[in-house]
PDB file of N, CA and C in Angstrom:
ATOM      1  N   UNK A   1      53.046  51.340-191.810  1.00  0.00           N
ATOM      2  CA  UNK A   1      53.265  49.942-192.126  1.00  0.00           C
ATOM      3  C   UNK A   1      54.460  49.877-193.080  1.00  0.00           C
ATOM      4  N   UNK A   2      55.429  49.069-192.727  1.00  0.00           N
ATOM      5  CA  UNK A   2      56.623  48.932-193.562  1.00  0.00           C
ATOM      6  C   UNK A   2      56.300  48.128-194.820  1.00  0.00           C
ATOM      7  N   UNK A   3      57.191  48.191-195.788  1.00  0.00           N
ATOM      8  CA  UNK A   3      56.990  47.441-197.032  1.00  0.00           C
ATOM      9  C   UNK A   3      56.891  45.948-196.782  1.00  0.00           C
ATOM     10  N   UNK A   4      57.729  45.420-195.868  1.00  0.00           N
ATOM     11  CA  UNK A   4      57.682  43.978-195.598  1.00  0.00           C
ATOM     12  C   UNK A   4      56.398  43.599-194.868  1.00  0.00           C
ATOM     13  N   UNK A   5      55.934  44.466-193.946  1.00  0.00           N
ATOM     14  CA  UNK A   5      54.665  44.202-193.262  1.00  0.00           C
ATOM     15  C   UNK A   5      53.518  44.260-194.266  1.00  0.00           C
ATOM     16  N   UNK A   6      53.556  45.251-195.142  1.00  0.00           N
ATOM     17  CA  UNK A   6      52.525  45.407-196.154  1.00  0.00           C
ATOM     18  C   UNK A   6      52.504  44.205-197.092  1.00  0.00           C
ATOM     19  N   UNK A   7      53.660  43.748-197.522  1.00  0.00           N
ATOM     20  CA  UNK A   7      53.739  42.590-198.416  1.00  0.00           C
ATOM     21  C   UNK A   7      53.182  41.344-197.741  1.00  0.00           C
ATOM     22  N   UNK A   8      53.485  41.165-196.464  1.00  0.00           N
ATOM     23  CA  UNK A   8      52.979  40.008-195.721  1.00  0.00           C
ATOM     24  C   UNK A   8      51.462  40.091-195.566  1.00  0.00           C
ATOM     25  N   UNK A   9      50.952  41.273-195.271  1.00  0.00           N
ATOM     26  CA  UNK A   9      49.512  41.465-195.122  1.00  0.00           C
ATOM     27  C   UNK A   9      48.800  41.205-196.446  1.00  0.00           C
ATOM     28  N   UNK A  10      49.359  41.699-197.529  1.00  0.00           N
ATOM     29  CA  UNK A  10      48.775  41.457-198.852  1.00  0.00           C
ATOM     30  C   UNK A  10      48.766  39.963-199.157  1.00  0.00           C
ATOM     31  N   UNK A  11      49.837  39.270-198.827  1.00  0.00           N
ATOM     32  CA  UNK A  11      49.893  37.823-199.053  1.00  0.00           C
ATOM     33  C   UNK A  11      48.781  37.118-198.276  1.00  0.00           C
ATOM     34  N   UNK A  12      48.569  37.511-197.027  1.00  0.00           N
ATOM     35  CA  UNK A  12      47.513  36.905-196.204  1.00  0.00           C
ATOM     36  C   UNK A  12      46.133  37.197-196.784  1.00  0.00           C
ATOM     37  N   UNK A  13      45.911  38.442-197.200  1.00  0.00           N
ATOM     38  CA  UNK A  13      44.620  38.823-197.780  1.00  0.00           C
ATOM     39  C   UNK A  13      44.357  38.026-199.052  1.00  0.00           C
ATOM     40  N   UNK A  14      45.344  37.925-199.919  1.00  0.00           N
ATOM     41  CA  UNK A  14      45.162  37.171-201.164  1.00  0.00           C
ATOM     42  C   UNK A  14      44.924  35.692-200.890  1.00  0.00           C
ATOM     43  N   UNK A  15      45.515  35.176-199.831  1.00  0.00           N
ATOM     44  CA  UNK A  15      45.295  33.790-199.429  1.00  0.00           C
ATOM     45  C   UNK A  15      43.833  33.573-199.032  1.00  0.00           C
ATOM     46  N   UNK A  16      43.281  34.488-198.234  1.00  0.00           N
ATOM     47  CA  UNK A  16      41.873  34.384-197.828  1.00  0.00           C
ATOM     48  C   UNK A  16      40.972  34.498-199.055  1.00  0.00           C
ATOM     49  N   UNK A  17      41.269  35.438-199.937  1.00  0.00           N
ATOM     50  CA  UNK A  17      40.470  35.608-201.152  1.00  0.00           C
ATOM     51  C   UNK A  17      40.507  34.338-201.996  1.00  0.00           C
ATOM     52  N   UNK A  18      41.662  33.713-202.097  1.00  0.00           N
ATOM     53  CA  UNK A  18      41.773  32.459-202.851  1.00  0.00           C
ATOM     54  C   UNK A  18      40.910  31.359-202.242  1.00  0.00           C
ATOM     55  N   UNK A  19      40.729  31.371-200.926  1.00  0.00           N
ATOM     56  CA  UNK A  19      39.884  30.373-200.265  1.00  0.00           C
ATOM     57  C   UNK A  19      38.400  30.660-200.483  1.00  0.00           C
ATOM     58  N   UNK A  20      38.038  31.925-200.589  1.00  0.00           N
ATOM     59  CA  UNK A  20      36.639  32.336-200.764  1.00  0.00           C
ATOM     60  C   UNK A  20      36.197  32.241-202.222  1.00  0.00           C
ATOM     61  N   UNK A  21      37.118  32.488-203.125  1.00  0.00           N
ATOM     62  CA  UNK A  21      36.813  32.586-204.560  1.00  0.00           C
ATOM     63  C   UNK A  21      35.956  31.431-205.109  1.00  0.00           C
ATOM     64  N   UNK A  22      36.238  30.157-204.798  1.00  0.00           N
ATOM     65  CA  UNK A  22      35.420  29.075-205.370  1.00  0.00           C
ATOM     66  C   UNK A  22      33.930  29.182-205.028  1.00  0.00           C
ATOM     67  N   UNK A  23      33.608  29.707-203.851  1.00  0.00           N
ATOM     68  CA  UNK A  23      32.200  29.864-203.466  1.00  0.00           C
ATOM     69  C   UNK A  23      31.530  30.939-204.318  1.00  0.00           C
ATOM     70  N   UNK A  24      32.245  32.007-204.596  1.00  0.00           N
ATOM     71  CA  UNK A  24      31.697  33.060-205.447  1.00  0.00           C
ATOM     72  C   UNK A  24      31.589  32.588-206.891  1.00  0.00           C
ATOM     73  N   UNK A  25      32.599  31.851-207.355  1.00  0.00           N
ATOM     74  CA  UNK A  25      32.589  31.349-208.729  1.00  0.00           C
ATOM     75  C   UNK A  25      31.453  30.353-208.951  1.00  0.00           C
ATOM     76  N   UNK A  26      31.069  29.630-207.916  1.00  0.00           N
ATOM     77  CA  UNK A  26      29.969  28.664-208.038  1.00  0.00           C
ATOM     78  C   UNK A  26      28.662  29.361-208.407  1.00  0.00           C
ATOM     79  N   UNK A  27      28.539  30.648-208.042  1.00  0.00           N
ATOM     80  CA  UNK A  27      27.342  31.425-208.368  1.00  0.00           C
ATOM     81  C   UNK A  27      27.580  32.398-209.522  1.00  0.00           C
ATOM     82  N   UNK A  28      28.663  32.197-210.262  1.00  0.00           N
ATOM     83  CA  UNK A  28      28.937  33.028-211.425  1.00  0.00           C
ATOM     84  C   UNK A  28      29.648  34.336-211.124  1.00  0.00           C
ATOM     85  N   UNK A  29      30.199  34.455-209.924  1.00  0.00           N
ATOM     86  CA  UNK A  29      30.893  35.689-209.551  1.00  0.00           C
ATOM     87  C   UNK A  29      32.375  35.469-209.351  1.00  0.00           C
ATOM     88  N   UNK A  30      33.028  36.519-208.897  1.00  0.00           N
ATOM     89  CA  UNK A  30      34.449  36.446-208.593  1.00  0.00           C
ATOM     90  C   UNK A  30      34.806  37.660-207.752  1.00  0.00           C
ATOM     91  N   UNK A  31      36.025  37.696-207.262  1.00  0.00           N
ATOM     92  CA  UNK A  31      36.490  38.791-206.420  1.00  0.00           C
ATOM     93  C   UNK A  31      37.937  39.087-206.779  1.00  0.00           C
ATOM     94  N   UNK A  32      38.283  40.379-206.734  1.00  0.00           N
ATOM     95  CA  UNK A  32      39.653  40.797-207.041  1.00  0.00           C
ATOM     96  C   UNK A  32      40.135  41.741-205.955  1.00  0.00           C
ATOM     97  N   UNK A  33      41.310  41.456-205.405  1.00  0.00           N
ATOM     98  CA  UNK A  33      41.933  42.330-204.413  1.00  0.00           C
ATOM     99  C   UNK A  33      42.381  43.611-205.097  1.00  0.00           C
ATOM    100  N   UNK A  34      42.103  44.760-204.460  1.00  0.00           N
ATOM    101  CA  UNK A  34      42.513  46.052-205.005  1.00  0.00           C
ATOM    102  C   UNK A  34      43.621  46.661-204.155  1.00  0.00           C
ATOM    103  N   UNK A  35      43.365  46.836-202.846  1.00  0.00           N
ATOM    104  CA  UNK A  35      44.359  47.462-201.978  1.00  0.00           C
ATOM    105  C   UNK A  35      43.996  47.279-200.513  1.00  0.00           C
ATOM    106  N   UNK A  36      44.973  47.558-199.660  1.00  0.00           N
ATOM    107  CA  UNK A  36      44.748  47.686-198.222  1.00  0.00           C
ATOM    108  C   UNK A  36      45.084  49.126-197.874  1.00  0.00           C
ATOM    109  N   UNK A  37      44.148  49.814-197.225  1.00  0.00           N
ATOM    110  CA  UNK A  37      44.396  51.202-196.852  1.00  0.00           C
ATOM    111  C   UNK A  37      45.244  51.266-195.588  1.00  0.00           C
ATOM    112  N   UNK A  38      45.705  52.462-195.264  1.00  0.00           N
ATOM    113  CA  UNK A  38      46.483  52.666-194.038  1.00  0.00           C
ATOM    114  C   UNK A  38      45.654  52.373-192.795  1.00  0.00           C
ATOM    115  N   UNK A  39      44.321  52.434-192.934  1.00  0.00           N
ATOM    116  CA  UNK A  39      43.404  52.153-191.824  1.00  0.00           C
ATOM    117  C   UNK A  39      43.027  50.674-191.752  1.00  0.00           C
ATOM    118  N   UNK A  40      43.727  49.838-192.498  1.00  0.00           N
ATOM    119  CA  UNK A  40      43.491  48.391-192.532  1.00  0.00           C
ATOM    120  C   UNK A  40      42.102  48.029-193.062  1.00  0.00           C
ATOM    121  N   UNK A  41      41.665  48.757-194.060  1.00  0.00           N
ATOM    122  CA  UNK A  41      40.448  48.428-194.792  1.00  0.00           C
ATOM    123  C   UNK A  41      40.887  47.779-196.095  1.00  0.00           C
ATOM    124  N   UNK A  42      40.328  46.613-196.379  1.00  0.00           N
ATOM    125  CA  UNK A  42      40.642  45.904-197.619  1.00  0.00           C
ATOM    126  C   UNK A  42      39.611  46.308-198.669  1.00  0.00           C
ATOM    127  N   UNK A  43      40.077  46.845-199.777  1.00  0.00           N
ATOM    128  CA  UNK A  43      39.205  47.180-200.892  1.00  0.00           C
ATOM    129  C   UNK A  43      39.294  46.072-201.932  1.00  0.00           C
ATOM    130  N   UNK A  44      38.126  45.605-202.348  1.00  0.00           N
ATOM    131  CA  UNK A  44      38.040  44.545-203.347  1.00  0.00           C
ATOM    132  C   UNK A  44      37.082  44.985-204.444  1.00  0.00           C
ATOM    133  N   UNK A  45      37.125  44.262-205.535  1.00  0.00           N
ATOM    134  CA  UNK A  45      36.167  44.456-206.614  1.00  0.00           C
ATOM    135  C   UNK A  45      35.410  43.154-206.784  1.00  0.00           C
ATOM    136  N   UNK A  46      34.082  43.248-206.732  1.00  0.00           N
ATOM    137  CA  UNK A  46      33.249  42.075-206.977  1.00  0.00           C
ATOM    138  C   UNK A  46      32.967  42.014-208.473  1.00  0.00           C
ATOM    139  N   UNK A  47      33.196  40.854-209.059  1.00  0.00           N
ATOM    140  CA  UNK A  47      33.125  40.690-210.509  1.00  0.00           C
ATOM    141  C   UNK A  47      32.029  39.713-210.903  1.00  0.00           C
ATOM    142  N   UNK A  48      31.705  39.697-212.180  1.00  0.00           N
ATOM    143  CA  UNK A  48      30.716  38.760-212.699  1.00  0.00           C
ATOM    144  C   UNK A  48      29.361  38.989-212.054  1.00  0.00           C
ATOM    145  N   UNK A  49      28.676  37.921-211.716  1.00  0.00           N
ATOM    146  CA  UNK A  49      27.348  38.011-211.120  1.00  0.00           C
ATOM    147  C   UNK A  49      27.373  38.760-209.791  1.00  0.00           C
ATOM    148  N   UNK A  50      28.483  38.699-209.073  1.00  0.00           N
ATOM    149  CA  UNK A  50      28.576  39.374-207.771  1.00  0.00           C
ATOM    150  C   UNK A  50      28.510  40.891-207.906  1.00  0.00           C
ATOM    151  N   UNK A  51      28.956  41.416-209.025  1.00  0.00           N
ATOM    152  CA  UNK A  51      28.964  42.859-209.218  1.00  0.00           C
ATOM    153  C   UNK A  51      27.588  43.475-209.305  1.00  0.00           C
ATOM    154  N   UNK A  52      26.589  42.699-209.712  1.00  0.00           N
ATOM    155  CA  UNK A  52      25.239  43.234-209.872  1.00  0.00           C
ATOM    156  C   UNK A  52      24.201  42.527-209.006  1.00  0.00           C
ATOM    157  N   UNK A  53      24.612  41.581-208.206  1.00  0.00           N
ATOM    158  CA  UNK A  53      23.680  40.803-207.388  1.00  0.00           C
ATOM    159  C   UNK A  53      23.160  41.633-206.216  1.00  0.00           C
ATOM    160  N   UNK A  54      21.848  41.597-205.963  1.00  0.00           N
ATOM    161  CA  UNK A  54      21.311  42.339-204.817  1.00  0.00           C
ATOM    162  C   UNK A  54      21.805  41.799-203.469  1.00  0.00           C
ATOM    163  N   UNK A  55      22.318  40.593-203.453  1.00  0.00           N
ATOM    164  CA  UNK A  55      22.824  40.001-202.210  1.00  0.00           C
ATOM    165  C   UNK A  55      24.321  40.259-202.013  1.00  0.00           C
ATOM    166  N   UNK A  56      24.934  41.016-202.906  1.00  0.00           N
ATOM    167  CA  UNK A  56      26.387  41.191-202.842  1.00  0.00           C
ATOM    168  C   UNK A  56      26.852  41.867-201.560  1.00  0.00           C
ATOM    169  N   UNK A  57      26.071  42.807-201.025  1.00  0.00           N
ATOM    170  CA  UNK A  57      26.465  43.461-199.773  1.00  0.00           C
ATOM    171  C   UNK A  57      26.483  42.459-198.636  1.00  0.00           C
ATOM    172  N   UNK A  58      25.469  41.591-198.577  1.00  0.00           N
ATOM    173  CA  UNK A  58      25.435  40.576-197.528  1.00  0.00           C
ATOM    174  C   UNK A  58      26.581  39.581-197.719  1.00  0.00           C
ATOM    175  N   UNK A  59      26.839  39.183-198.940  1.00  0.00           N
ATOM    176  CA  UNK A  59      27.963  38.282-199.220  1.00  0.00           C
ATOM    177  C   UNK A  59      29.269  38.920-198.771  1.00  0.00           C
ATOM    178  N   UNK A  60      29.423  40.198-199.076  1.00  0.00           N
ATOM    179  CA  UNK A  60      30.648  40.906-198.725  1.00  0.00           C
ATOM    180  C   UNK A  60      30.832  40.967-197.215  1.00  0.00           C
ATOM    181  N   UNK A  61      29.805  41.384-196.486  1.00  0.00           N
ATOM    182  CA  UNK A  61      29.931  41.595-195.044  1.00  0.00           C
ATOM    183  C   UNK A  61      29.863  40.283-194.260  1.00  0.00           C
ATOM    184  N   UNK A  62      28.933  39.407-194.606  1.00  0.00           N
ATOM    185  CA  UNK A  62      28.754  38.166-193.844  1.00  0.00           C
ATOM    186  C   UNK A  62      29.714  37.066-194.259  1.00  0.00           C
ATOM    187  N   UNK A  63      30.183  37.117-195.482  1.00  0.00           N
ATOM    188  CA  UNK A  63      31.081  36.076-195.966  1.00  0.00           C
ATOM    189  C   UNK A  63      32.521  36.523-196.027  1.00  0.00           C
ATOM    190  N   UNK A  64      32.797  37.431-196.942  1.00  0.00           N
ATOM    191  CA  UNK A  64      34.173  37.850-197.201  1.00  0.00           C
ATOM    192  C   UNK A  64      34.777  38.557-195.989  1.00  0.00           C
ATOM    193  N   UNK A  65      34.073  39.548-195.455  1.00  0.00           N
ATOM    194  CA  UNK A  65      34.629  40.313-194.337  1.00  0.00           C
ATOM    195  C   UNK A  65      34.826  39.447-193.100  1.00  0.00           C
ATOM    196  N   UNK A  66      33.865  38.595-192.783  1.00  0.00           N
ATOM    197  CA  UNK A  66      33.999  37.725-191.608  1.00  0.00           C
ATOM    198  C   UNK A  66      35.196  36.790-191.748  1.00  0.00           C
ATOM    199  N   UNK A  67      35.349  36.193-192.913  1.00  0.00           N
ATOM    200  CA  UNK A  67      36.488  35.291-193.139  1.00  0.00           C
ATOM    201  C   UNK A  67      37.807  36.050-193.048  1.00  0.00           C
ATOM    202  N   UNK A  68      37.827  37.255-193.603  1.00  0.00           N
ATOM    203  CA  UNK A  68      39.047  38.063-193.596  1.00  0.00           C
ATOM    204  C   UNK A  68      39.431  38.452-192.170  1.00  0.00           C
ATOM    205  N   UNK A  69      38.459  38.924-191.385  1.00  0.00           N
ATOM    206  CA  UNK A  69      38.742  39.363-190.013  1.00  0.00           C
ATOM    207  C   UNK A  69      39.129  38.193-189.112  1.00  0.00           C
ATOM    208  N   UNK A  70      38.558  37.038-189.377  1.00  0.00           N
ATOM    209  CA  UNK A  70      38.913  35.850-188.588  1.00  0.00           C
ATOM    210  C   UNK A  70      40.358  35.430-188.867  1.00  0.00           C
ATOM    211  N   UNK A  71      40.742  35.454-190.123  1.00  0.00           N
ATOM    212  CA  UNK A  71      42.091  35.027-190.511  1.00  0.00           C
ATOM    213  C   UNK A  71      43.145  36.098-190.234  1.00  0.00           C
ATOM    214  N   UNK A  72      42.733  37.364-190.309  1.00  0.00           N
ATOM    215  CA  UNK A  72      43.671  38.487-190.165  1.00  0.00           C
ATOM    216  C   UNK A  72      43.035  39.515-189.232  1.00  0.00           C
ATOM    217  N   UNK A  73      43.211  39.357-187.921  1.00  0.00           N
ATOM    218  CA  UNK A  73      42.520  40.211-186.938  1.00  0.00           C
ATOM    219  C   UNK A  73      42.764  41.711-187.099  1.00  0.00           C
ATOM    220  N   UNK A  74      43.888  42.112-187.669  1.00  0.00           N
ATOM    221  CA  UNK A  74      44.146  43.551-187.806  1.00  0.00           C
ATOM    222  C   UNK A  74      43.298  44.227-188.882  1.00  0.00           C
ATOM    223  N   UNK A  75      42.648  43.446-189.741  1.00  0.00           N
ATOM    224  CA  UNK A  75      41.767  44.014-190.761  1.00  0.00           C
ATOM    225  C   UNK A  75      40.512  44.554-190.083  1.00  0.00           C
ATOM    226  N   UNK A  76      40.178  45.813-190.407  1.00  0.00           N
ATOM    227  CA  UNK A  76      39.021  46.480-189.794  1.00  0.00           C
ATOM    228  C   UNK A  76      37.732  46.213-190.568  1.00  0.00           C
ATOM    229  N   UNK A  77      37.811  46.228-191.893  1.00  0.00           N
ATOM    230  CA  UNK A  77      36.627  45.961-192.706  1.00  0.00           C
ATOM    231  C   UNK A  77      37.046  45.636-194.136  1.00  0.00           C
ATOM    232  N   UNK A  78      36.074  45.165-194.900  1.00  0.00           N
ATOM    233  CA  UNK A  78      36.274  44.888-196.322  1.00  0.00           C
ATOM    234  C   UNK A  78      35.210  45.683-197.068  1.00  0.00           C
ATOM    235  N   UNK A  79      35.637  46.435-198.054  1.00  0.00           N
ATOM    236  CA  UNK A  79      34.728  47.262-198.842  1.00  0.00           C
ATOM    237  C   UNK A  79      34.863  46.904-200.315  1.00  0.00           C
ATOM    238  N   UNK A  80      33.722  46.880-200.998  1.00  0.00           N
ATOM    239  CA  UNK A  80      33.738  46.671-202.450  1.00  0.00           C
ATOM    240  C   UNK A  80      33.725  48.036-203.118  1.00  0.00           C
ATOM    241  N   UNK A  81      34.681  48.273-203.975  1.00  0.00           N
ATOM    242  CA  UNK A  81      34.780  49.580-204.622  1.00  0.00           C
ATOM    243  C   UNK A  81      33.734  49.768-205.718  1.00  0.00           C
ATOM    244  N   UNK A  82      33.083  48.686-206.125  1.00  0.00           N
ATOM    245  CA  UNK A  82      32.128  48.775-207.228  1.00  0.00           C
ATOM    246  C   UNK A  82      30.706  48.410-206.820  1.00  0.00           C
ATOM    247  N   UNK A  83      30.410  48.405-205.518  1.00  0.00           N
ATOM    248  CA  UNK A  83      29.070  48.057-205.044  1.00  0.00           C
ATOM    249  C   UNK A  83      28.586  49.175-204.142  1.00  0.00           C
ATOM    250  N   UNK A  84      27.364  49.619-204.375  1.00  0.00           N
ATOM    251  CA  UNK A  84      26.766  50.623-203.503  1.00  0.00           C
ATOM    252  C   UNK A  84      26.241  49.917-202.263  1.00  0.00           C
ATOM    253  N   UNK A  85      26.856  50.175-201.099  1.00  0.00           N
ATOM    254  CA  UNK A  85      26.486  49.465-199.867  1.00  0.00           C
ATOM    255  C   UNK A  85      25.523  50.266-199.003  1.00  0.00           C
ATOM    256  N   UNK A  86      24.834  51.259-199.583  1.00  0.00           N
ATOM    257  CA  UNK A  86      23.899  52.075-198.802  1.00  0.00           C
ATOM    258  C   UNK A  86      22.476  51.677-199.083  1.00  0.00           C
TER     259      UNK A  86
END
């Protein structure tokens, strides 16, 4: 992925996160973009209440990941670097 492609992809990812953020903030949480891997996996950090919520995995996969994949089809998955998803 070239620098310009990477910059455009990051801009799109941050745009989706900005659209999702108010829903997380309504429940006392937040989300922070960390990186996009070469395999098109978006790594995020769930903050505030989202970081310790037992529903955070479902929020991540059913909410954040679905919205991300719909808006940016090349994204394969979204992973939280600070949540145990097992």
